[in-house]
Structures are given as structure tokens and as C-alpha cells.
Protein backbone atom coordinates (compact mmCIF):
# COMPACT_ATOMS: atom_id res chain seq x y z
CA MET A 1 177.42 80.73 198.94
CA ASP A 2 180.16 80.63 201.37
CA SER A 3 182.93 81.06 198.80
CA LEU A 4 181.03 84.19 197.31
CA THR A 5 180.55 85.72 201.02
CA ALA A 6 184.29 84.81 201.68
CA SER A 7 185.61 86.35 198.25
CA LEU A 8 183.08 89.58 198.61
CA PRO A 9 185.41 92.75 199.55
CA VAL A 10 183.91 95.10 203.00
CA TRP A 11 182.69 97.65 200.10
CA GLY A 12 180.26 95.00 198.90
CA TRP A 13 178.78 94.13 202.07
CA VAL A 14 177.80 97.71 202.81
CA ILE A 15 176.45 97.89 199.84
CA LEU A 16 174.10 94.78 200.33
CA VAL A 17 172.95 95.51 203.75
CA ALA A 18 172.28 99.31 202.87
CA LEU A 19 170.13 99.05 199.69
CA PRO A 20 167.58 97.28 201.54
CA LEU A 21 167.18 99.07 204.05
CA CYS A 22 166.97 102.56 201.84
CA LEU A 23 163.91 100.80 199.94
CA LEU A 24 162.15 100.14 202.88
CA GLY A 25 161.87 103.52 204.09
CA VAL A 26 162.11 105.16 200.86
CA GLY A 27 160.32 103.47 198.56
CA PRO A 28 156.54 104.33 200.33
CA ARG A 29 156.75 108.01 200.27
CA LEU A 30 158.35 108.20 196.41
CA LEU A 31 155.26 106.14 195.59
CA LYS A 32 153.12 108.46 198.00
CA ARG A 33 154.48 111.65 196.07
CA ILE A 34 154.04 110.29 192.56
CA ARG A 35 150.67 109.16 192.80
CA ALA A 36 150.13 113.30 193.97
CA GLY A 37 151.55 114.35 191.51
CA ARG A 38 149.06 112.45 189.21
CA ALA A 39 146.19 113.34 190.99
CA ASP A 40 147.41 116.84 190.59
CA ARG A 41 147.21 117.04 186.78
CA ASN A 42 143.69 115.86 187.08
CA PRO A 43 141.52 118.55 185.50
CA SER A 44 138.47 117.79 187.76
CA ASN A 45 140.50 118.84 190.99
CA GLU A 46 141.71 121.42 189.28
CA PHE A 47 138.45 122.83 188.46
CA LEU A 48 138.10 122.09 192.40
CA MET A 49 140.85 123.91 193.05
CA ARG A 50 139.41 127.11 191.31
CA THR A 51 135.69 126.76 192.60
CA PRO A 52 135.44 129.86 195.21
CA ALA A 53 134.52 128.44 198.72
CA ALA A 54 130.75 129.24 199.76
CA SER A 55 131.41 132.27 201.42
CA GLU A 56 133.02 134.04 198.37
CA ARG A 57 130.30 132.81 195.77
CA PRO A 58 128.03 136.18 194.73
CA LEU A 59 124.49 136.03 196.18
CA SER A 60 121.39 135.13 194.05
CA THR A 61 119.55 137.98 192.41
CA PRO A 62 116.53 138.48 194.71
CA VAL A 63 112.99 137.74 193.29
CA GLU A 64 110.87 140.85 192.95
CA MET A 65 107.53 140.84 194.25
CA VAL A 66 104.35 142.10 194.44
CA SER A 67 101.49 142.63 196.54
CA CYS A 68 97.83 141.30 195.56
CA ASP A 69 96.06 144.44 196.18
CA GLU A 70 98.14 146.27 193.85
CA VAL A 71 97.65 143.63 190.98
CA GLU A 72 93.91 143.91 191.67
CA ARG A 73 94.04 147.52 191.09
CA GLU A 74 95.47 147.47 187.87
CA TYR A 75 93.06 145.36 186.80
CA ALA A 76 90.37 147.53 187.91
CA ARG A 77 91.84 150.61 186.43
CA ARG A 78 92.48 149.02 183.16
CA LEU A 79 88.59 146.90 183.33
CA SER A 80 87.43 150.57 183.42
CA SER A 81 89.61 151.71 180.63
CA TRP A 82 88.49 148.88 178.78
CA ARG A 83 84.93 149.47 178.91
CA GLU A 84 84.80 153.44 178.09
CA SER A 85 86.73 151.91 174.98
CA ARG A 86 83.62 149.79 174.48
CA ASP A 87 81.13 151.83 174.87
CA GLU A 88 82.47 155.12 172.64
CA VAL A 89 82.66 152.47 170.24
CA ALA A 90 79.29 150.81 170.34
CA ARG A 91 77.94 154.54 171.12
CA GLN A 92 79.57 155.75 167.38
CA ARG A 93 78.55 152.76 165.51
CA GLY A 94 75.28 153.10 166.44
CA LEU A 95 75.06 156.45 165.23
CA LEU A 96 76.69 155.44 161.85
CA GLU A 97 74.93 152.37 161.62
CA LYS A 98 71.14 154.92 161.66
CA LEU A 99 72.59 157.27 159.80
CA ASP A 100 71.86 155.59 155.77
CA TYR A 101 72.74 158.68 153.54
CA GLN A 102 71.51 156.70 151.07
CA ALA A 103 67.79 157.20 152.14
CA LEU A 104 68.52 160.71 153.09
CA ASP A 105 66.07 163.63 150.56
CA ALA A 106 68.10 165.93 149.47
CA GLU A 107 67.57 168.90 152.29
CA THR A 108 68.18 166.68 154.91
CA LEU A 109 71.24 165.32 153.13
CA LEU A 110 72.42 168.88 153.07
CA GLY A 111 72.23 169.25 156.47
CA HIS A 112 75.62 167.00 156.36
CA ALA A 113 77.40 168.83 153.48
CA GLY A 114 80.68 170.33 154.11
CA SER A 115 80.51 174.14 154.11
CA ASP A 116 82.82 174.24 150.72
CA GLU A 117 80.26 171.58 149.16
CA LEU A 118 77.16 174.11 150.42
CA SER A 119 79.22 177.18 149.07
CA ASN A 120 79.88 175.26 145.52
CA LEU A 121 76.12 174.32 145.07
CA ALA A 122 75.11 177.98 145.97
CA ALA A 123 76.91 179.36 143.39
CA ILE A 124 75.49 177.14 141.15
CA LEU A 125 72.23 178.27 141.52
CA GLY A 126 73.08 182.22 141.60
CA LEU A 127 72.31 182.29 145.13
CA GLY A 128 74.22 184.01 148.29
CA SER A 129 76.67 181.50 150.13
CA ASP A 130 74.92 181.94 153.45
CA ALA A 131 71.81 180.12 151.44
CA SER A 132 69.76 177.50 153.40
CA ALA A 133 69.84 173.86 152.19
CA ALA A 134 66.03 174.35 151.94
CA ALA A 135 66.59 177.42 149.71
CA MET A 136 69.14 175.90 147.49
CA VAL A 137 66.50 172.78 147.26
CA ASP A 138 63.99 174.82 146.27
CA SER A 139 65.72 177.19 143.79
CA LEU A 140 67.13 173.58 142.18
CA ARG A 141 63.57 172.16 141.91
CA ARG A 142 62.48 175.61 140.14
CA ALA A 143 65.39 175.33 137.28
CA GLY A 144 63.96 172.26 136.75
CA SER A 145 60.57 172.99 136.43
CA HIS A 146 58.79 173.64 133.36
CA GLY A 147 56.21 176.70 133.44
CA VAL A 148 53.30 174.86 131.92
CA ALA A 149 53.90 171.63 134.52
CA SER A 150 54.67 173.96 137.67
CA PHE A 151 51.31 175.41 136.71
CA VAL A 152 48.87 172.40 136.26
CA ARG A 153 50.89 170.87 138.95
CA GLY A 154 50.10 174.06 141.04
CA GLY A 155 53.97 174.43 141.93
CA HIS A 156 57.43 172.82 141.38
CA VAL A 157 58.56 169.39 140.24
CA SER A 158 60.20 167.40 142.90
CA TYR A 159 63.44 166.71 143.34
CA GLU A 160 63.53 163.59 141.85
CA GLU A 161 61.96 164.60 138.40
CA VAL A 162 64.97 167.26 138.29
CA ILE A 163 67.37 164.48 138.73
CA THR A 164 65.64 162.04 136.21
CA ASP A 165 65.43 164.87 133.53
CA VAL A 166 69.20 165.50 133.73
CA ALA A 167 69.90 161.93 133.68
CA LEU A 168 68.10 161.45 130.58
CA LYS A 169 69.54 164.68 128.99
CA LEU A 170 72.78 163.22 129.86
CA GLY A 171 71.72 159.74 127.51
CA ALA A 172 70.58 157.42 130.55
CA LYS A 173 67.47 155.18 130.01
CA ARG A 174 64.58 156.11 131.52
CA PRO A 175 64.41 154.69 135.36
CA ILE A 176 61.49 152.70 136.62
CA GLU A 177 58.97 154.49 139.06
CA GLY A 178 59.51 155.09 142.62
CA THR A 179 63.47 154.88 142.10
CA SER A 180 65.04 156.37 144.94
CA ALA A 181 67.08 160.13 144.58
CA ALA A 182 70.04 158.68 145.74
CA GLU A 183 70.03 155.83 142.43
CA LEU A 184 69.09 158.20 140.50
CA GLU A 185 71.83 160.80 141.15
CA LYS A 186 74.00 157.54 140.27
CA LEU A 187 72.29 156.90 136.97
CA ALA A 188 73.07 160.68 135.96
CA VAL A 189 76.67 159.98 137.23
CA GLY A 190 77.40 157.15 135.36
CA ALA A 191 75.70 158.39 131.95
CA ALA A 192 77.51 162.14 132.27
CA LEU A 193 80.81 159.83 133.18
CA GLU A 194 79.76 157.22 129.40
CA LYS A 195 79.52 161.22 128.05
CA MET A 196 83.44 161.92 129.11
CA LEU A 197 84.53 158.39 128.37
CA ALA A 198 83.43 158.88 124.86
CA GLN A 199 85.26 161.97 124.07
CA ALA A 200 88.52 159.91 125.79
CA SER A 201 90.98 158.51 123.30
CA PRO A 202 91.80 154.37 124.19
CA ALA A 203 94.60 155.49 126.58
CA GLU A 204 92.54 158.15 128.45
CA ARG A 205 89.72 155.70 129.04
CA GLU A 206 92.12 153.19 130.42
CA ALA A 207 93.74 155.39 132.71
CA ILE A 208 90.18 156.61 134.21
CA LEU A 209 88.81 153.22 134.68
CA SER A 210 92.12 152.56 136.49
CA GLU A 211 91.58 155.48 138.63
CA LEU A 212 88.02 154.75 139.18
CA SER A 213 89.08 151.02 140.20
CA ARG A 214 91.73 152.12 142.18
CA GLN A 215 89.50 154.59 144.26
CA GLN A 216 87.11 151.91 144.96
CA GLY A 217 89.18 149.32 145.09
CA ASN A 218 88.31 146.63 142.19
CA SER A 219 89.44 145.49 138.82
CA SER A 220 89.20 148.06 136.20
CA ALA A 221 87.48 145.30 134.15
CA GLY A 222 84.45 144.99 136.53
CA LEU A 223 83.19 148.47 135.54
CA VAL A 224 82.68 147.63 131.75
CA THR A 225 80.93 144.93 130.19
CA THR A 226 82.07 142.91 127.40
CA ALA A 227 80.85 145.61 124.78
CA GLY A 228 83.01 148.28 126.73
CA VAL A 229 80.47 149.98 128.25
CA LEU A 230 80.57 151.53 131.08
CA VAL A 231 78.18 150.16 134.15
CA ALA A 232 77.04 152.66 136.31
CA ALA A 233 75.82 150.54 138.95
CA HIS A 234 79.14 149.16 139.73
CA LEU A 235 79.89 152.60 141.04
CA SER A 236 80.50 153.01 144.30
CA GLY A 237 82.61 154.91 147.81
CA PHE A 238 84.75 156.76 146.67
CA GLY A 239 85.21 155.49 143.11
CA LEU A 240 81.74 157.11 142.58
CA TYR A 241 82.77 159.97 144.65
CA MET A 242 85.65 160.66 141.87
CA ALA A 243 83.11 160.29 138.85
CA ALA A 244 80.49 162.77 140.16
CA SER A 245 83.02 164.97 141.27
CA SER A 246 84.73 165.26 138.18
CA SER A 247 81.82 165.46 136.32
CA LEU A 248 80.91 168.42 138.24
CA ALA A 249 84.55 170.19 137.52
CA ALA A 250 84.10 169.33 133.87
CA ILE A 251 80.83 170.70 133.18
CA THR A 252 81.34 174.02 135.41
CA GLY A 253 84.43 174.39 133.61
CA ALA A 254 82.95 174.33 130.29
CA VAL A 255 80.19 177.06 130.75
CA GLY A 256 82.27 179.04 132.48
CA LEU A 257 81.76 178.85 136.45
CA THR A 258 84.57 179.15 138.56
CA LEU A 259 83.44 177.13 141.82
CA PRO A 260 84.37 178.58 145.28
CA PHE A 261 86.21 175.07 145.97
CA ALA A 262 87.22 172.69 144.24
CA ALA A 263 85.08 169.85 143.02
CA TYR A 264 87.74 167.11 143.38
CA THR A 265 91.45 168.55 144.40
CA GLY A 266 92.41 164.23 143.86
CA MET A 267 91.96 164.14 140.11
CA SER A 268 95.00 163.47 137.93
CA SER A 269 96.14 165.11 135.33
CA VAL A 270 94.88 162.42 132.68
CA LEU A 271 91.31 163.15 134.40
CA ALA A 272 91.87 167.32 134.36
CA ALA A 273 92.39 166.51 130.67
CA VAL A 274 89.94 164.74 129.56
CA THR A 275 87.17 166.20 131.80
CA GLY A 276 88.27 169.78 130.53
CA PRO A 277 86.17 172.09 128.09
CA ALA A 278 86.93 170.64 124.76
CA GLY A 279 85.92 167.04 126.17
CA TRP A 280 82.68 168.38 126.85
CA ALA A 281 81.82 170.35 124.06
CA ALA A 282 79.55 168.06 122.18
CA LEU A 283 77.37 167.46 125.14
CA LEU A 284 77.00 171.06 126.13
CA PHE A 285 75.90 171.95 122.50
CA MET A 286 73.07 170.04 123.06
CA VAL A 287 71.80 170.04 126.89
CA VAL A 288 73.10 173.70 128.34
CA PHE A 289 72.82 175.89 125.14
CA LYS A 290 69.59 174.18 123.85
CA VAL A 291 67.00 177.31 123.90
CA GLY A 292 63.84 176.84 126.21
CA GLY A 293 63.43 174.48 128.67
CA THR A 294 64.64 173.95 131.83
CA GLU A 295 67.80 175.86 132.90
CA TYR A 296 70.55 172.52 132.55
CA LYS A 297 73.38 175.32 133.53
CA LYS A 298 71.55 174.81 137.06
CA THR A 299 70.35 171.56 136.86
CA ILE A 300 72.66 169.49 135.61
CA PRO A 301 75.77 170.73 137.76
CA GLY A 302 73.52 171.06 141.00
CA VAL A 303 72.31 167.37 140.73
CA LEU A 304 76.14 166.54 139.78
CA ALA A 305 76.47 168.65 142.98
CA ILE A 306 74.58 167.11 145.29
CA ALA A 307 75.60 163.10 144.12
CA SER A 308 78.92 164.19 145.01
CA CYS A 309 78.30 165.29 148.37
CA ARG A 310 76.07 161.66 149.04
CA ALA A 311 78.52 159.76 147.75
CA ARG A 312 81.30 161.34 149.91
CA LEU A 313 79.10 160.98 152.52
CA THR A 314 78.48 157.26 152.34
CA ALA A 315 82.07 156.87 151.81
CA ASP A 316 83.36 158.69 154.27
CA ARG A 317 80.69 156.47 156.56
CA GLY A 318 82.17 153.40 155.10
CA LEU A 319 85.50 154.36 156.10
CA LYS A 320 84.45 155.17 159.59
CA LEU A 321 82.88 151.96 160.30
CA ALA A 322 85.84 150.12 158.97
CA LYS A 323 87.75 151.81 161.50
CA LEU A 324 85.09 151.45 164.54
CA ALA A 325 85.04 147.89 163.64
CA ARG A 326 89.39 147.54 163.51
CA GLU A 327 89.19 149.27 166.64
CA GLN A 328 86.82 146.58 168.45
CA ALA A 329 89.22 143.97 167.19
CA GLY A 330 91.52 145.41 169.01
CA ILE A 331 88.94 145.90 172.23
CA ASP A 332 88.16 142.16 171.87
CA SER A 333 92.12 141.39 172.00
CA ALA A 334 92.46 143.40 175.24
CA TRP A 335 89.19 141.69 176.76
CA ARG A 336 91.08 138.68 176.37
CA ARG A 337 94.29 139.85 178.23
CA LEU A 338 92.07 141.08 181.01
CA SER A 339 90.29 137.53 181.41
CA VAL A 340 93.46 135.67 182.08
CA LEU A 341 94.96 138.60 184.60
CA GLU A 342 91.14 137.95 186.32
CA ARG A 343 91.53 134.23 186.45
CA PHE A 344 95.21 134.69 187.44
CA ILE A 345 93.58 137.08 190.97
CA LYS A 346 91.52 134.35 191.23
CA ASP A 347 93.46 131.57 191.57
CA GLU A 348 96.72 133.34 193.17
CA CYS A 349 94.94 136.34 195.10
CA SER A 350 93.06 135.39 198.76
CA PRO A 351 90.09 137.64 199.02
CA GLY A 352 90.73 139.72 202.32
CA THR A 353 94.74 138.82 202.08
CA ASP A 354 97.71 140.83 201.03
CA ARG A 355 99.72 138.16 199.38
CA GLN A 356 103.00 138.48 197.71
CA VAL A 357 103.27 137.14 194.36
CA PRO A 358 106.35 137.25 192.09
CA LYS A 359 105.82 140.15 189.93
CA ALA A 360 107.28 138.14 186.96
CA SER A 361 104.17 135.88 186.81
CA VAL A 362 101.67 138.26 187.04
CA PRO A 363 99.94 138.30 183.27
CA TRP A 364 99.89 142.07 182.86
């Protein structure tokens, strides 16, 4: 050691003494800077540095409030409107359910007929357009009465007897005693339609049955038997209306009678062709132009006109009842929503207080 220090030059002594002193003074500061640099590169610190101060942050959206008094007023308004709708639907349903067009006699039925239907029937019977329902029914009964029979009975035959006679002439089977006027009319319409189908080609026949089934919403297969015979009892709704009005249009055209209003404006081109005068030639030769007997030029179209009117009124009644049923379903749904609002008021709004509740929490 003594030999080392003795041979060490002066500048070596300077380095030997100064180096430890520098390390003791600069080292801690250098280590601190290194640690600080690592901290600056930490992502979490970068996020904290970007986070604005509390004073710079935007204020939260205020909660919109509504008073319980306002909620209760809205509930009362909706409840009143709901009751009005409920009562009106119940009133209309009550009237329609009591009005059974199938059970009405001809004169009462014509009291519900449209002006165009009345004008057509008056034209068929050779009466003025202002003829009353009673006068038209009386004229139809008189046209259907045989002279001798009327003399024996002391008056005209009943409307039911007129329909029966028309149905038999059109080829229907004799009905049982006590059959209602509505069922007799349906029997006559079915017989007339069978006559029409007999004159049609297979393609035309299928077109007619398809149109009938479309009108009453079922398969055309349900309108015929396995033997291909039309089942008149299966006709209903607008299908029956179409059959009656189409038959009426055909027979009035065949006898050269122009009606003031179209009997069935929705009749397709196929039906128009099939029910034209040519298709009814065989039928009319036997029943309209037969000498003597009742006046079939009046009774056949007259019965078909009343049958068409009854079928339309019945079908319209069914549509109205279905519409009211849908409205009733909506009323029931509205009541369920009102019940939820009522429970909310009972739970959240104390009587006699004007409490505020969050508007978004109200089950409007």
C-alpha cells in the first residue's frame, strides 16, 4: 500500500479523493430523477393528469319532477275518458245484440233497408219510389196469390208462402212447416244459385265458389257436397249476400228490368258473365214466362231482393259486433294501464300532500 501511494501521481490523488465525494452528492438526486421519469410514464398517472378538477367538471342533469296533484288530475281525466268509451261500446253492443235481423218479418226488415234497396224493390213491384214498406210487402203478397186461393182464404197469402212458392219453382225441396222467413229466403237463394252453377262451365263454377268462399272466409270445398251439389245451408254472411244479389242482378237483367241501383256492384267479371241473361234462359223459360199462376216476374226478384237486404244487414251486424269486440279489448287493456297508475298514486302520493315525484317514475 505504501509503495502504491508513493508512486501515485498528483492527479491520481485528485481523482481518488473527488470521485467518492461526487457520488455521495449526485447519486441520490440522480436516482430520484430516474424514479420520477418512470412515474411520468405510468398510464394511470397520465389519466389522473388528464382528469379535470372538480370545479371544471360539468354539472349532472337535474331530475324532472312532477307533483302528485298533477298525476292525480291526469289519472282522473283518463278514467273519465275510459268510462265514456266503455259505456258507448256497451250501448252499441246492446243495441246490436237485441237486433236480430233473422227474426224480423219482411215489413220490419224493410224499415232497416237502404234507400237504394227500397228503390230497387219498388221498381220490381211496379210501385213508386216513395212506396212504404207495408205497401211493398202487400204488393208482393198479392202478386204471389192465386185468385181462387185468395178468395177461399179471404185475402192474400202470407209472405212465407210467397217465398216457399218461389223456392219450389227454383227447384228447392219443400221445406218443413214452420220454417222461418229468413231460412226460406236462404233456401230460395241456394236454389237460384244452383241453377246458375248448372249453366256454368267447370272453370266458371270454381270461380263462383271461390268468390263465395272468399266473401265468407272459408274453403270453397265447404260449400259443396262430395257429389258436387251446392249446400245452401253453408252460405252465410257476405257470401249469402253475394249469392242473393248476384242472382237478383241476373234475373232482373234476363227479364229486361233495369234497376235504379246495381244489385251487387262488387260482382266480378266472371260472375257477371255467368249470371247474364244467357245463363238463365232455361230457368226463365219455365218460371217467368209460364202462362197463368202467380206473377213470377215480380215474386222471384222480389223475394231475392228482400233476401239480399236481410243478408247484407246480417253481415254488417256481424262486422260491427267484431269491431266492437276489438274496441272492448282495447278498453280492457287501457283499464290495466289505469290500474297500474292508480296503484302508483296510492303508494307514492299521500292524501293531502303536494309531494313531488320523478316524472320518469310515473307509469303514464
